[in-house]
Amino acid sequence: MPHPLKKGDALRSRYKIREQIGQGGTGSIYLADDTRLQGRLCAIKEVEHNRALPTQFIEQAREQFFREASVLARLDHPNLPKVSDFFSEGPRDYLVMDYVPGMDLRERMLEARRNKTFLPEKEVLRWAAQLTDALDYLHQQNPPIIHRDIKPSNLKITPSGLIKLVDFGLVKILAPNEVTITIIQGQGTALYTPLEQYGGDDSHTDVRADIFSFGATLYHLLTNEPPAEARKRFLDTRNLTPPRDINPSIGARVEKAVLWAMSLHPDDRPQSILEFREALFGTQEIPDRVDFKRPGLTSAFSLLPQERMVGYAALALFLIGLFATMAR
């Protein structure tokens, strides 16, 4: 794999690298100066395609990158960073976005935890209201856009208090008649990833995947504790501790809405981000079945048949991938 870019390197004779500010499995994220627009900082997402793949697959991946990047460049919403450019240099593709200053919500949460306190529910809900606006905007695009990697570290809060949903690394456009046109093949972060997002076939991933990740993110922000992974919950739902058992100051309705969003089967979640917002803020009735009973929670064997099938398939794909990796 080529080496990461260094301070002072220039891309397209325009973007001068300041530093590397992020690292993922498919490339790095850099902070850079836009030399054509004095004083403008930008974040550059690097995509390194797996060169072990056949040439035709790499070409398809690059076509997908440019197709989706052109869609992202047309987006305009106050809670999303503006994508301003995209291009290739050698084996790498690059996506240029506005740089968002400020702390991310993971840092805010860890700060509260160090102080042995919780983030105030009212503040978390103010952030949630902004995030629902951003997700509704993405999901209402034609075709819909799914972020697929919502988590506290991908939510930055600007000095003015504006939430920005950053890092479009796993974004998926729900184009008809296409199995997947994902910019970067990946699964997201395990703590916030629904069962249906595991495996290589994205055909069953829709807007409800973002709803699950949104719910898991709120769980983490409100409790200072990471939620149990969906794979572990499938084997035994007692792995997920109800939020109010950790932070009793959480409202009962908020807890119930969060657990509804985190339902293992997509059919059991809110079916749109607006439905989830109405549940979270008190204007939508929440199904009683999502209220986990204390102390005993159901096991995987009491789940709906279709939910078990989704879980078993996801778990099998995960184990196959794990064994294949170990065998290399």
C-alpha atoms as a PDB file:
ATOM      1  CA  MET A   1       0.000   0.000   0.000  1.00  0.00           C
ATOM      2  CA  PRO A   2       1.362   3.484  -0.848  1.00  0.00           C
ATOM      3  CA  HIS A   3       2.524   5.603   2.064  1.00  0.00           C
ATOM      4  CA  PRO A   4       0.210   8.223   3.579  1.00  0.00           C
ATOM      5  CA  LEU A   5       0.583  11.791   2.387  1.00  0.00           C
ATOM      6  CA  LYS A   6       2.951  14.015   4.347  1.00  0.00           C
ATOM      7  CA  LYS A   7       2.766  17.603   5.537  1.00  0.00           C
ATOM      8  CA  GLY A   8       3.431  19.893   2.593  1.00  0.00           C
ATOM      9  CA  ASP A   9       2.349  17.391  -0.077  1.00  0.00           C
ATOM     10  CA  ALA A  10      -0.005  18.869  -2.657  1.00  0.00           C
ATOM     11  CA  LEU A  11      -2.949  17.261  -4.411  1.00  0.00           C
ATOM     12  CA  ARG A  12      -4.041  18.549  -7.791  1.00  0.00           C
ATOM     13  CA  SER A  13      -1.625  21.471  -7.323  1.00  0.00           C
ATOM     14  CA  ARG A  14      -4.324  22.957  -5.090  1.00  0.00           C
ATOM     15  CA  TYR A  15      -4.758  21.172  -1.754  1.00  0.00           C
ATOM     16  CA  LYS A  16      -1.710  21.460   0.506  1.00  0.00           C
ATOM     17  CA  ILE A  17      -1.671  18.830   3.252  1.00  0.00           C
ATOM     18  CA  ARG A  18      -1.338  20.074   6.824  1.00  0.00           C
ATOM     19  CA  GLU A  19      -1.733  16.816   8.721  1.00  0.00           C
ATOM     20  CA  GLN A  20      -3.448  13.460   8.836  1.00  0.00           C
ATOM     21  CA  ILE A  21      -6.515  13.728  11.092  1.00  0.00           C
ATOM     22  CA  GLY A  22      -8.049  10.292  10.622  1.00  0.00           C
ATOM     23  CA  GLN A  23      -7.253   6.763   9.533  1.00  0.00           C
ATOM     24  CA  GLY A  24      -9.522   3.984   8.304  1.00  0.00           C
ATOM     25  CA  GLY A  25      -9.214   0.620   6.643  1.00  0.00           C
ATOM     26  CA  THR A  26      -9.452   2.138   3.181  1.00  0.00           C
ATOM     27  CA  GLY A  27      -7.348   5.252   3.518  1.00  0.00           C
ATOM     28  CA  SER A  28      -6.748   8.411   5.502  1.00  0.00           C
ATOM     29  CA  ILE A  29      -8.459  11.728   6.170  1.00  0.00           C
ATOM     30  CA  TYR A  30      -6.331  14.850   5.873  1.00  0.00           C
ATOM     31  CA  LEU A  31      -6.607  18.466   6.893  1.00  0.00           C
ATOM     32  CA  ALA A  32      -5.495  20.658   3.990  1.00  0.00           C
ATOM     33  CA  ASP A  33      -5.318  24.264   2.833  1.00  0.00           C
ATOM     34  CA  ASP A  34      -7.163  25.173  -0.333  1.00  0.00           C
ATOM     35  CA  THR A  35      -4.506  27.340  -1.994  1.00  0.00           C
ATOM     36  CA  ARG A  36      -7.002  28.822  -4.472  1.00  0.00           C
ATOM     37  CA  LEU A  37      -9.254  30.142  -1.708  1.00  0.00           C
ATOM     38  CA  GLN A  38      -7.046  31.814   0.877  1.00  0.00           C
ATOM     39  CA  GLY A  39      -7.913  30.876   4.450  1.00  0.00           C
ATOM     40  CA  ARG A  40     -10.161  27.941   3.522  1.00  0.00           C
ATOM     41  CA  LEU A  41      -9.473  24.656   5.286  1.00  0.00           C
ATOM     42  CA  CYS A  42     -10.849  21.400   3.923  1.00  0.00           C
ATOM     43  CA  ALA A  43     -11.020  17.760   4.950  1.00  0.00           C
ATOM     44  CA  ILE A  44      -9.920  15.309   2.277  1.00  0.00           C
ATOM     45  CA  LYS A  45     -11.188  11.728   2.413  1.00  0.00           C
ATOM     46  CA  GLU A  46      -8.815   9.288   0.720  1.00  0.00           C
ATOM     47  CA  VAL A  47     -10.084   6.053  -0.803  1.00  0.00           C
ATOM     48  CA  GLU A  48      -7.516   3.325  -1.418  1.00  0.00           C
ATOM     49  CA  HIS A  49      -9.055   0.488  -3.431  1.00  0.00           C
ATOM     50  CA  ASN A  50      -7.941  -3.080  -2.772  1.00  0.00           C
ATOM     51  CA  ARG A  51      -5.424  -3.663  -5.544  1.00  0.00           C
ATOM     52  CA  ALA A  52      -5.577  -7.415  -4.987  1.00  0.00           C
ATOM     53  CA  LEU A  53      -9.012  -7.384  -6.620  1.00  0.00           C
ATOM     54  CA  PRO A  54      -9.390  -8.108 -10.350  1.00  0.00           C
ATOM     55  CA  THR A  55      -8.996  -5.047 -12.545  1.00  0.00           C
ATOM     56  CA  GLN A  56     -12.655  -5.038 -13.541  1.00  0.00           C
ATOM     57  CA  PHE A  57     -13.764  -4.828  -9.905  1.00  0.00           C
ATOM     58  CA  ILE A  58     -11.408  -1.931  -9.229  1.00  0.00           C
ATOM     59  CA  GLU A  59     -12.772  -0.119 -12.279  1.00  0.00           C
ATOM     60  CA  GLN A  60     -16.322  -0.712 -11.077  1.00  0.00           C
ATOM     61  CA  ALA A  61     -15.418   0.574  -7.608  1.00  0.00           C
ATOM     62  CA  ARG A  62     -13.966   3.750  -9.099  1.00  0.00           C
ATOM     63  CA  GLU A  63     -17.027   4.276 -11.250  1.00  0.00           C
ATOM     64  CA  GLN A  64     -19.135   3.907  -8.122  1.00  0.00           C
ATOM     65  CA  PHE A  65     -16.954   6.438  -6.314  1.00  0.00           C
ATOM     66  CA  PHE A  66     -17.389   9.091  -9.003  1.00  0.00           C
ATOM     67  CA  ARG A  67     -21.100   8.409  -9.364  1.00  0.00           C
ATOM     68  CA  GLU A  68     -21.749   8.794  -5.654  1.00  0.00           C
ATOM     69  CA  ALA A  69     -19.323  11.680  -5.207  1.00  0.00           C
ATOM     70  CA  SER A  70     -21.213  13.632  -7.858  1.00  0.00           C
ATOM     71  CA  VAL A  71     -24.440  13.021  -5.889  1.00  0.00           C
ATOM     72  CA  LEU A  72     -22.845  14.147  -2.614  1.00  0.00           C
ATOM     73  CA  ALA A  73     -21.515  17.305  -4.260  1.00  0.00           C
ATOM     74  CA  ARG A  74     -25.101  18.379  -4.998  1.00  0.00           C
ATOM     75  CA  LEU A  75     -26.190  18.162  -1.354  1.00  0.00           C
ATOM     76  CA  ASP A  76     -26.781  21.383   0.549  1.00  0.00           C
ATOM     77  CA  HIS A  77     -27.881  21.196   4.188  1.00  0.00           C
ATOM     78  CA  PRO A  78     -26.684  23.125   7.268  1.00  0.00           C
ATOM     79  CA  ASN A  79     -25.990  19.919   9.224  1.00  0.00           C
ATOM     80  CA  LEU A  80     -23.873  18.336   6.469  1.00  0.00           C
ATOM     81  CA  PRO A  81     -20.380  19.392   5.369  1.00  0.00           C
ATOM     82  CA  LYS A  82     -20.323  20.610   1.781  1.00  0.00           C
ATOM     83  CA  VAL A  83     -18.559  18.310  -0.705  1.00  0.00           C
ATOM     84  CA  SER A  84     -16.697  20.644  -3.039  1.00  0.00           C
ATOM     85  CA  ASP A  85     -14.467  18.439  -5.193  1.00  0.00           C
ATOM     86  CA  PHE A  86     -13.541  14.856  -6.067  1.00  0.00           C
ATOM     87  CA  PHE A  87     -10.759  13.448  -8.198  1.00  0.00           C
ATOM     88  CA  SER A  88      -8.204  10.635  -8.596  1.00  0.00           C
ATOM     89  CA  GLU A  89      -4.435  10.609  -8.315  1.00  0.00           C
ATOM     90  CA  GLY A  90      -2.755   7.314  -9.124  1.00  0.00           C
ATOM     91  CA  PRO A  91      -4.503   4.393  -7.413  1.00  0.00           C
ATOM     92  CA  ARG A  92      -6.349   6.636  -4.961  1.00  0.00           C
ATOM     93  CA  ASP A  93      -9.603   8.572  -5.124  1.00  0.00           C
ATOM     94  CA  TYR A  94     -10.232  11.709  -3.092  1.00  0.00           C
ATOM     95  CA  LEU A  95     -13.340  13.445  -1.760  1.00  0.00           C
ATOM     96  CA  VAL A  96     -12.905  17.072  -0.643  1.00  0.00           C
ATOM     97  CA  MET A  97     -15.269  18.472   1.998  1.00  0.00           C
ATOM     98  CA  ASP A  98     -15.533  21.501   4.248  1.00  0.00           C
ATOM     99  CA  TYR A  99     -13.457  21.096   7.390  1.00  0.00           C
ATOM    100  CA  VAL A 100     -15.674  21.226  10.474  1.00  0.00           C
ATOM    101  CA  PRO A 101     -13.942  22.694  13.552  1.00  0.00           C
ATOM    102  CA  GLY A 102     -14.903  21.791  17.094  1.00  0.00           C
ATOM    103  CA  MET A 103     -15.221  18.701  19.255  1.00  0.00           C
ATOM    104  CA  ASP A 104     -17.065  15.589  18.228  1.00  0.00           C
ATOM    105  CA  LEU A 105     -19.770  14.132  20.451  1.00  0.00           C
ATOM    106  CA  ARG A 106     -17.596  11.209  21.491  1.00  0.00           C
ATOM    107  CA  GLU A 107     -15.160  13.694  23.008  1.00  0.00           C
ATOM    108  CA  ARG A 108     -18.023  15.488  24.753  1.00  0.00           C
ATOM    109  CA  MET A 109     -19.311  12.188  26.130  1.00  0.00           C
ATOM    110  CA  LEU A 110     -15.868  11.095  27.361  1.00  0.00           C
ATOM    111  CA  GLU A 111     -15.438  14.471  29.049  1.00  0.00           C
ATOM    112  CA  ALA A 112     -18.723  13.949  30.921  1.00  0.00           C
ATOM    113  CA  ARG A 113     -17.654  10.449  31.891  1.00  0.00           C
ATOM    114  CA  ARG A 114     -14.341  11.705  33.279  1.00  0.00           C
ATOM    115  CA  ASN A 115     -16.333  14.171  35.359  1.00  0.00           C
ATOM    116  CA  LYS A 116     -18.506  11.271  36.586  1.00  0.00           C
ATOM    117  CA  THR A 117     -21.649  12.773  35.153  1.00  0.00           C
ATOM    118  CA  PHE A 118     -23.933  12.342  32.140  1.00  0.00           C
ATOM    119  CA  LEU A 119     -24.632  14.611  29.218  1.00  0.00           C
ATOM    120  CA  PRO A 120     -27.949  16.381  29.943  1.00  0.00           C
ATOM    121  CA  GLU A 121     -30.851  14.703  28.170  1.00  0.00           C
ATOM    122  CA  LYS A 122     -32.152  18.069  26.918  1.00  0.00           C
ATOM    123  CA  GLU A 123     -28.813  18.797  25.260  1.00  0.00           C
ATOM    124  CA  VAL A 124     -28.635  15.340  23.655  1.00  0.00           C
ATOM    125  CA  LEU A 125     -32.174  15.773  22.337  1.00  0.00           C
ATOM    126  CA  ARG A 126     -31.265  19.164  20.845  1.00  0.00           C
ATOM    127  CA  TRP A 127     -28.476  17.424  18.947  1.00  0.00           C
ATOM    128  CA  ALA A 128     -30.871  14.627  17.978  1.00  0.00           C
ATOM    129  CA  ALA A 129     -33.325  17.122  16.509  1.00  0.00           C
ATOM    130  CA  GLN A 130     -30.600  18.491  14.241  1.00  0.00           C
ATOM    131  CA  LEU A 131     -29.485  15.004  13.224  1.00  0.00           C
ATOM    132  CA  THR A 132     -33.039  13.985  12.310  1.00  0.00           C
ATOM    133  CA  ASP A 133     -33.222  17.001   9.996  1.00  0.00           C
ATOM    134  CA  ALA A 134     -29.991  15.954   8.274  1.00  0.00           C
ATOM    135  CA  LEU A 135     -31.036  12.312   7.933  1.00  0.00           C
ATOM    136  CA  ASP A 136     -34.495  13.204   6.684  1.00  0.00           C
ATOM    137  CA  TYR A 137     -32.844  15.378   4.033  1.00  0.00           C
ATOM    138  CA  LEU A 138     -30.568  12.487   2.967  1.00  0.00           C
ATOM    139  CA  HIS A 139     -33.359   9.901   3.023  1.00  0.00           C
ATOM    140  CA  GLN A 140     -35.671  12.161   0.994  1.00  0.00           C
ATOM    141  CA  GLN A 141     -33.208  12.414  -1.880  1.00  0.00           C
ATOM    142  CA  ASN A 142     -34.142  10.651  -5.115  1.00  0.00           C
ATOM    143  CA  PRO A 143     -32.783   8.038  -4.834  1.00  0.00           C
ATOM    144  CA  PRO A 144     -32.412   8.013  -1.007  1.00  0.00           C
ATOM    145  CA  ILE A 145     -28.946   8.324   0.534  1.00  0.00           C
ATOM    146  CA  ILE A 146     -27.986   6.214   3.558  1.00  0.00           C
ATOM    147  CA  HIS A 147     -25.019   7.336   5.666  1.00  0.00           C
ATOM    148  CA  ARG A 148     -24.418   3.876   7.255  1.00  0.00           C
ATOM    149  CA  ASP A 149     -21.825   5.029   9.804  1.00  0.00           C
ATOM    150  CA  ILE A 150     -23.646   7.234  12.309  1.00  0.00           C
ATOM    151  CA  LYS A 151     -21.746   7.310  15.596  1.00  0.00           C
ATOM    152  CA  PRO A 152     -20.678   9.899  18.183  1.00  0.00           C
ATOM    153  CA  SER A 153     -17.247  10.469  16.600  1.00  0.00           C
ATOM    154  CA  ASN A 154     -18.908  11.287  13.253  1.00  0.00           C
ATOM    155  CA  LEU A 155     -21.013  14.032  14.840  1.00  0.00           C
ATOM    156  CA  LYS A 156     -19.119  17.270  15.322  1.00  0.00           C
ATOM    157  CA  ILE A 157     -20.426  20.286  17.176  1.00  0.00           C
ATOM    158  CA  THR A 158     -19.263  23.658  15.898  1.00  0.00           C
ATOM    159  CA  PRO A 159     -18.453  26.557  18.222  1.00  0.00           C
ATOM    160  CA  SER A 160     -21.921  27.972  17.392  1.00  0.00           C
ATOM    161  CA  GLY A 161     -23.627  24.750  18.557  1.00  0.00           C
ATOM    162  CA  LEU A 162     -24.429  23.384  15.105  1.00  0.00           C
ATOM    163  CA  ILE A 163     -24.197  19.607  14.667  1.00  0.00           C
ATOM    164  CA  LYS A 164     -22.474  18.332  11.521  1.00  0.00           C
ATOM    165  CA  LEU A 165     -22.740  14.715  10.344  1.00  0.00           C
ATOM    166  CA  VAL A 166     -19.316  14.056   8.844  1.00  0.00           C
ATOM    167  CA  ASP A 167     -17.481  11.227   7.055  1.00  0.00           C
ATOM    168  CA  PHE A 168     -19.378   9.956   4.043  1.00  0.00           C
ATOM    169  CA  GLY A 169     -17.021   6.960   3.752  1.00  0.00           C
ATOM    170  CA  LEU A 170     -19.744   4.290   3.771  1.00  0.00           C
ATOM    171  CA  VAL A 171     -22.555   6.233   2.152  1.00  0.00           C
ATOM    172  CA  LYS A 172     -24.904   4.244  -0.063  1.00  0.00           C
ATOM    173  CA  ILE A 173     -27.244   5.489  -2.763  1.00  0.00           C
ATOM    174  CA  LEU A 174     -30.423   3.419  -3.013  1.00  0.00           C
ATOM    175  CA  ALA A 175     -30.444   3.256  -6.796  1.00  0.00           C
ATOM    176  CA  PRO A 176     -33.052   0.887  -8.263  1.00  0.00           C
ATOM    177  CA  ASN A 177     -31.931  -2.388  -9.846  1.00  0.00           C
ATOM    178  CA  GLU A 178     -28.459  -2.214  -8.335  1.00  0.00           C
ATOM    179  CA  VAL A 179     -27.267  -4.559  -5.599  1.00  0.00           C
ATOM    180  CA  THR A 180     -24.869  -1.949  -4.248  1.00  0.00           C
ATOM    181  CA  ILE A 181     -23.084   1.162  -5.373  1.00  0.00           C
ATOM    182  CA  THR A 182     -21.193   1.825  -2.169  1.00  0.00           C
ATOM    183  CA  ILE A 183     -18.248   4.235  -2.298  1.00  0.00           C
ATOM    184  CA  ILE A 184     -16.236   2.086   0.093  1.00  0.00           C
ATOM    185  CA  GLN A 185     -17.054  -1.505   0.899  1.00  0.00           C
ATOM    186  CA  GLY A 186     -17.415  -1.752   4.651  1.00  0.00           C
ATOM    187  CA  GLN A 187     -19.715  -2.506   7.520  1.00  0.00           C
ATOM    188  CA  GLY A 188     -19.555   0.540   9.725  1.00  0.00           C
ATOM    189  CA  THR A 189     -18.567   0.527  13.388  1.00  0.00           C
ATOM    190  CA  ALA A 190     -19.698  -2.650  15.140  1.00  0.00           C
ATOM    191  CA  LEU A 191     -21.233  -0.940  18.183  1.00  0.00           C
ATOM    192  CA  TYR A 192     -23.670   0.979  15.979  1.00  0.00           C
ATOM    193  CA  THR A 193     -24.171  -1.456  13.088  1.00  0.00           C
ATOM    194  CA  PRO A 194     -27.435  -3.387  12.523  1.00  0.00           C
ATOM    195  CA  LEU A 195     -27.394  -7.083  11.632  1.00  0.00           C
ATOM    196  CA  GLU A 196     -28.482  -6.525   8.041  1.00  0.00           C
ATOM    197  CA  GLN A 197     -25.402  -4.405   7.320  1.00  0.00           C
ATOM    198  CA  TYR A 198     -23.007  -7.311   7.842  1.00  0.00           C
ATOM    199  CA  GLY A 199     -21.822  -9.347   4.864  1.00  0.00           C
ATOM    200  CA  GLY A 200     -20.986  -8.287   1.340  1.00  0.00           C
ATOM    201  CA  ASP A 201     -24.544  -7.966  -0.032  1.00  0.00           C
ATOM    202  CA  ASP A 202     -26.023  -4.539   0.684  1.00  0.00           C
ATOM    203  CA  SER A 203     -29.320  -5.240  -1.080  1.00  0.00           C
ATOM    204  CA  HIS A 204     -31.252  -5.450   2.206  1.00  0.00           C
ATOM    205  CA  THR A 205     -29.835  -2.255   3.719  1.00  0.00           C
ATOM    206  CA  ASP A 206     -32.189   0.712   3.679  1.00  0.00           C
ATOM    207  CA  VAL A 207     -32.955   3.863   5.690  1.00  0.00           C
ATOM    208  CA  ARG A 208     -33.758   1.737   8.742  1.00  0.00           C
ATOM    209  CA  ALA A 209     -30.042   0.944   9.077  1.00  0.00           C
ATOM    210  CA  ASP A 210     -29.429   4.634   9.834  1.00  0.00           C
ATOM    211  CA  ILE A 211     -32.288   4.566  12.349  1.00  0.00           C
ATOM    212  CA  PHE A 212     -30.609   1.683  14.212  1.00  0.00           C
ATOM    213  CA  SER A 213     -27.253   3.509  14.252  1.00  0.00           C
ATOM    214  CA  PHE A 214     -28.968   6.710  15.389  1.00  0.00           C
ATOM    215  CA  GLY A 215     -30.600   4.851  18.288  1.00  0.00           C
ATOM    216  CA  ALA A 216     -27.310   3.187  19.264  1.00  0.00           C
ATOM    217  CA  THR A 217     -25.574   6.570  19.164  1.00  0.00           C
ATOM    218  CA  LEU A 218     -28.184   8.113  21.479  1.00  0.00           C
ATOM    219  CA  TYR A 219     -27.847   5.117  23.813  1.00  0.00           C
ATOM    220  CA  HIS A 220     -24.099   5.753  24.087  1.00  0.00           C
ATOM    221  CA  LEU A 221     -24.439   9.525  24.531  1.00  0.00           C
ATOM    222  CA  LEU A 222     -27.094   9.204  27.251  1.00  0.00           C
ATOM    223  CA  THR A 223     -25.410   6.433  29.254  1.00  0.00           C
ATOM    224  CA  ASN A 224     -21.649   6.919  28.687  1.00  0.00           C
ATOM    225  CA  GLU A 225     -21.648   3.177  28.004  1.00  0.00           C
ATOM    226  CA  PRO A 226     -21.330   1.584  24.544  1.00  0.00           C
ATOM    227  CA  PRO A 227     -24.322  -0.510  23.482  1.00  0.00           C
ATOM    228  CA  ALA A 228     -23.871  -4.246  23.052  1.00  0.00           C
ATOM    229  CA  GLU A 229     -23.227  -5.223  19.434  1.00  0.00           C
ATOM    230  CA  ALA A 230     -26.210  -6.486  17.463  1.00  0.00           C
ATOM    231  CA  ARG A 231     -24.486  -9.854  16.953  1.00  0.00           C
ATOM    232  CA  LYS A 232     -24.174 -10.388  20.703  1.00  0.00           C
ATOM    233  CA  ARG A 233     -27.730  -9.217  21.283  1.00  0.00           C
ATOM    234  CA  PHE A 234     -28.993 -11.693  18.720  1.00  0.00           C
ATOM    235  CA  LEU A 235     -27.503 -14.556  20.736  1.00  0.00           C
ATOM    236  CA  ASP A 236     -28.904 -13.169  24.005  1.00  0.00           C
ATOM    237  CA  THR A 237     -30.798  -9.886  24.242  1.00  0.00           C
ATOM    238  CA  ARG A 238     -29.866  -9.639  27.917  1.00  0.00           C
ATOM    239  CA  ASN A 239     -26.524  -8.318  26.633  1.00  0.00           C
ATOM    240  CA  LEU A 240     -28.195  -4.934  26.142  1.00  0.00           C
ATOM    241  CA  THR A 241     -28.742  -3.138  29.441  1.00  0.00           C
ATOM    242  CA  PRO A 242     -31.797  -0.814  29.371  1.00  0.00           C
ATOM    243  CA  PRO A 243     -30.531   2.803  29.376  1.00  0.00           C
ATOM    244  CA  ARG A 244     -32.409   3.848  32.522  1.00  0.00           C
ATOM    245  CA  ASP A 245     -30.651   1.081  34.459  1.00  0.00           C
ATOM    246  CA  ILE A 246     -27.423   2.992  33.781  1.00  0.00           C
ATOM    247  CA  ASN A 247     -28.722   6.573  33.883  1.00  0.00           C
ATOM    248  CA  PRO A 248     -32.007   6.830  35.843  1.00  0.00           C
ATOM    249  CA  SER A 249     -32.449  10.471  34.802  1.00  0.00           C
ATOM    250  CA  ILE A 250     -33.308   9.405  31.224  1.00  0.00           C
ATOM    251  CA  GLY A 251     -37.010   9.853  30.512  1.00  0.00           C
ATOM    252  CA  ALA A 252     -39.078   6.700  30.079  1.00  0.00           C
ATOM    253  CA  ARG A 253     -40.306   7.796  26.647  1.00  0.00           C
ATOM    254  CA  VAL A 254     -36.777   8.561  25.436  1.00  0.00           C
ATOM    255  CA  GLU A 255     -35.572   5.156  26.610  1.00  0.00           C
ATOM    256  CA  LYS A 256     -38.446   3.420  24.862  1.00  0.00           C
ATOM    257  CA  ALA A 257     -37.855   5.336  21.616  1.00  0.00           C
ATOM    258  CA  VAL A 258     -34.133   4.502  21.659  1.00  0.00           C
ATOM    259  CA  LEU A 259     -34.824   0.805  22.222  1.00  0.00           C
ATOM    260  CA  TRP A 260     -37.398   0.853  19.423  1.00  0.00           C
ATOM    261  CA  ALA A 261     -34.808   2.264  17.027  1.00  0.00           C
ATOM    262  CA  MET A 262     -32.362  -0.459  18.127  1.00  0.00           C
ATOM    263  CA  SER A 263     -34.719  -3.367  17.364  1.00  0.00           C
ATOM    264  CA  LEU A 264     -32.755  -6.174  15.738  1.00  0.00           C
ATOM    265  CA  HIS A 265     -35.137  -6.718  12.836  1.00  0.00           C
ATOM    266  CA  PRO A 266     -35.671  -3.681  10.552  1.00  0.00           C
ATOM    267  CA  ASP A 267     -39.420  -4.326  10.376  1.00  0.00           C
ATOM    268  CA  ASP A 268     -39.621  -3.790  14.148  1.00  0.00           C
ATOM    269  CA  ARG A 269     -37.985  -0.337  14.048  1.00  0.00           C
ATOM    270  CA  PRO A 270     -39.515   3.019  13.129  1.00  0.00           C
ATOM    271  CA  GLN A 271     -39.929   2.890   9.361  1.00  0.00           C
ATOM    272  CA  SER A 272     -38.745   6.449   8.751  1.00  0.00           C
ATOM    273  CA  ILE A 273     -36.575   8.974  10.506  1.00  0.00           C
ATOM    274  CA  LEU A 274     -39.629  11.206  10.956  1.00  0.00           C
ATOM    275  CA  GLU A 275     -41.471   8.418  12.765  1.00  0.00           C
ATOM    276  CA  PHE A 276     -38.494   8.017  15.075  1.00  0.00           C
ATOM    277  CA  ARG A 277     -38.332  11.765  15.713  1.00  0.00           C
ATOM    278  CA  GLU A 278     -42.020  11.834  16.621  1.00  0.00           C
ATOM    279  CA  ALA A 279     -41.486   8.927  19.028  1.00  0.00           C
ATOM    280  CA  LEU A 280     -38.458  10.599  20.597  1.00  0.00           C
ATOM    281  CA  PHE A 281     -40.224  13.919  21.126  1.00  0.00           C
ATOM    282  CA  GLY A 282     -43.592  12.611  22.230  1.00  0.00           C
ATOM    283  CA  THR A 283     -45.981  12.766  19.274  1.00  0.00           C
ATOM    284  CA  GLN A 284     -45.746   9.136  18.089  1.00  0.00           C
ATOM    285  CA  GLU A 285     -47.076   6.080  19.892  1.00  0.00           C
ATOM    286  CA  ILE A 286     -44.341   3.516  20.553  1.00  0.00           C
ATOM    287  CA  PRO A 287     -45.177  -0.198  20.294  1.00  0.00           C
ATOM    288  CA  ASP A 288     -45.267  -1.876  23.697  1.00  0.00           C
ATOM    289  CA  ARG A 289     -43.134  -4.764  22.449  1.00  0.00           C
ATOM    290  CA  VAL A 290     -40.007  -2.608  22.419  1.00  0.00           C
ATOM    291  CA  ASP A 291     -40.189  -1.962  26.161  1.00  0.00           C
ATOM    292  CA  PHE A 292     -37.679  -4.478  27.502  1.00  0.00           C
ATOM    293  CA  LYS A 293     -39.000  -6.056  30.670  1.00  0.00           C
ATOM    294  CA  ARG A 294     -36.908  -6.101  33.792  1.00  0.00           C
ATOM    295  CA  PRO A 295     -35.120  -8.139  34.926  1.00  0.00           C
ATOM    296  CA  GLY A 296     -35.305 -10.862  32.268  1.00  0.00           C
ATOM    297  CA  LEU A 297     -34.974 -10.083  28.586  1.00  0.00           C
ATOM    298  CA  THR A 298     -35.780 -12.459  25.750  1.00  0.00           C
ATOM    299  CA  SER A 299     -33.171 -14.677  24.154  1.00  0.00           C
ATOM    300  CA  ALA A 300     -32.503 -15.137  20.455  1.00  0.00           C
ATOM    301  CA  PHE A 301     -34.676 -18.250  20.406  1.00  0.00           C
ATOM    302  CA  SER A 302     -37.807 -16.262  21.241  1.00  0.00           C
ATOM    303  CA  LEU A 303     -37.321 -13.809  18.382  1.00  0.00           C
ATOM    304  CA  LEU A 304     -39.509 -13.770  15.304  1.00  0.00           C
ATOM    305  CA  PRO A 305     -38.559 -16.435  12.727  1.00  0.00           C
ATOM    306  CA  GLN A 306     -37.485 -13.893  10.115  1.00  0.00           C
ATOM    307  CA  GLU A 307     -35.389 -12.069  12.726  1.00  0.00           C
ATOM    308  CA  ARG A 308     -33.612 -15.297  13.614  1.00  0.00           C
ATOM    309  CA  MET A 309     -32.921 -15.943   9.933  1.00  0.00           C
ATOM    310  CA  VAL A 310     -31.396 -12.483   9.453  1.00  0.00           C
ATOM    311  CA  GLY A 311     -29.278 -12.933  12.549  1.00  0.00           C
ATOM    312  CA  TYR A 312     -28.107 -16.453  11.700  1.00  0.00           C
ATOM    313  CA  ALA A 313     -27.165 -15.368   8.170  1.00  0.00           C
ATOM    314  CA  ALA A 314     -25.271 -12.324   9.450  1.00  0.00           C
ATOM    315  CA  LEU A 315     -23.469 -14.372  12.073  1.00  0.00           C
ATOM    316  CA  ALA A 316     -22.526 -17.035   9.513  1.00  0.00           C
ATOM    317  CA  LEU A 317     -21.123 -14.405   7.130  1.00  0.00           C
ATOM    318  CA  PHE A 318     -19.130 -12.867   9.967  1.00  0.00           C
ATOM    319  CA  LEU A 319     -17.624 -16.221  10.994  1.00  0.00           C
ATOM    320  CA  ILE A 320     -16.774 -17.129   7.394  1.00  0.00           C
ATOM    321  CA  GLY A 321     -15.001 -13.795   6.965  1.00  0.00           C
ATOM    322  CA  LEU A 322     -13.158 -14.252  10.254  1.00  0.00           C
ATOM    323  CA  PHE A 323     -11.927 -17.744   9.319  1.00  0.00           C
ATOM    324  CA  ALA A 324     -10.871 -16.541   5.862  1.00  0.00           C
ATOM    325  CA  THR A 325      -8.854 -13.727   7.423  1.00  0.00           C
ATOM    326  CA  MET A 326      -7.163 -16.085   9.876  1.00  0.00           C
ATOM    327  CA  ALA A 327      -6.299 -18.500   7.084  1.00  0.00           C
ATOM    328  CA  ARG A 328      -4.346 -15.865   5.102  1.00  0.00           C
END
